Amino acid sequence: MLALAAAVSLCAGLLVASSPTSVAGSAAAAALGVPLKRGWNLGNTLEGCAPSENPNGDWVFKSVAAAGFDWTRIPAQWGCHALEVEPYTVDPAFLATVNETVGWARRHSLRAMVNTHHENSWIDTTNETAFEAALPRLVAIWKQIAEAFATVPDDALVFELFNEPNKMSVVQLNTMNAA
């Protein structure tokens, strides 16, 4: 199974990374042998909850690669595309859209970083009981993501477990990483 290279990013925004240590997450990826040098963020496309067609296309990633970028961040909001009760199934259509997007990046030799984004609506870090209750869902979602991308080589895809963990304590961060 694909190694889950989950890097937690504490940065508020990630547009361009000029070196592997310039953003949280890149250093973790570099340690795994995935150098992330010049990155581009595919923002405001897969972070929404409303069903929509993928507004991206192969041409986006062709342009990004032609501009000299070597990786792209693909933020996705998974919580609103997954059941709220066990088994927390991710909507297959949404998963296919993310997979298609990663495929476009790979087609143009871009490494991809897929993450969870804007998940604070269901992962409440200000309430310890609610935080603990949300962890099984987060784990189930990530298991499905890992299974969906199991055939993608480790050097082509990096995962960022949780982006912008607002108000998350170090204890909660460690608990989440260990889950």
Foldseek 3Di string as FASTA:
>chain_A
DADALAWAWQDPDDAWAQFQPRTGSSVSLVVVVQHAHTEGEPPDFAADLDDDDRPDDLVVLLVVVVVPGAAYEYEHAQQSQFDPDPPRHGNPVSLVSVVVVLVSNVVSNHAYEYEHPPNCVQQPQVDVVSNVVCLSNLVSSVVVNCVSCVPPDNNRYHYHYHYNPPPHDPVSVVVSVVD
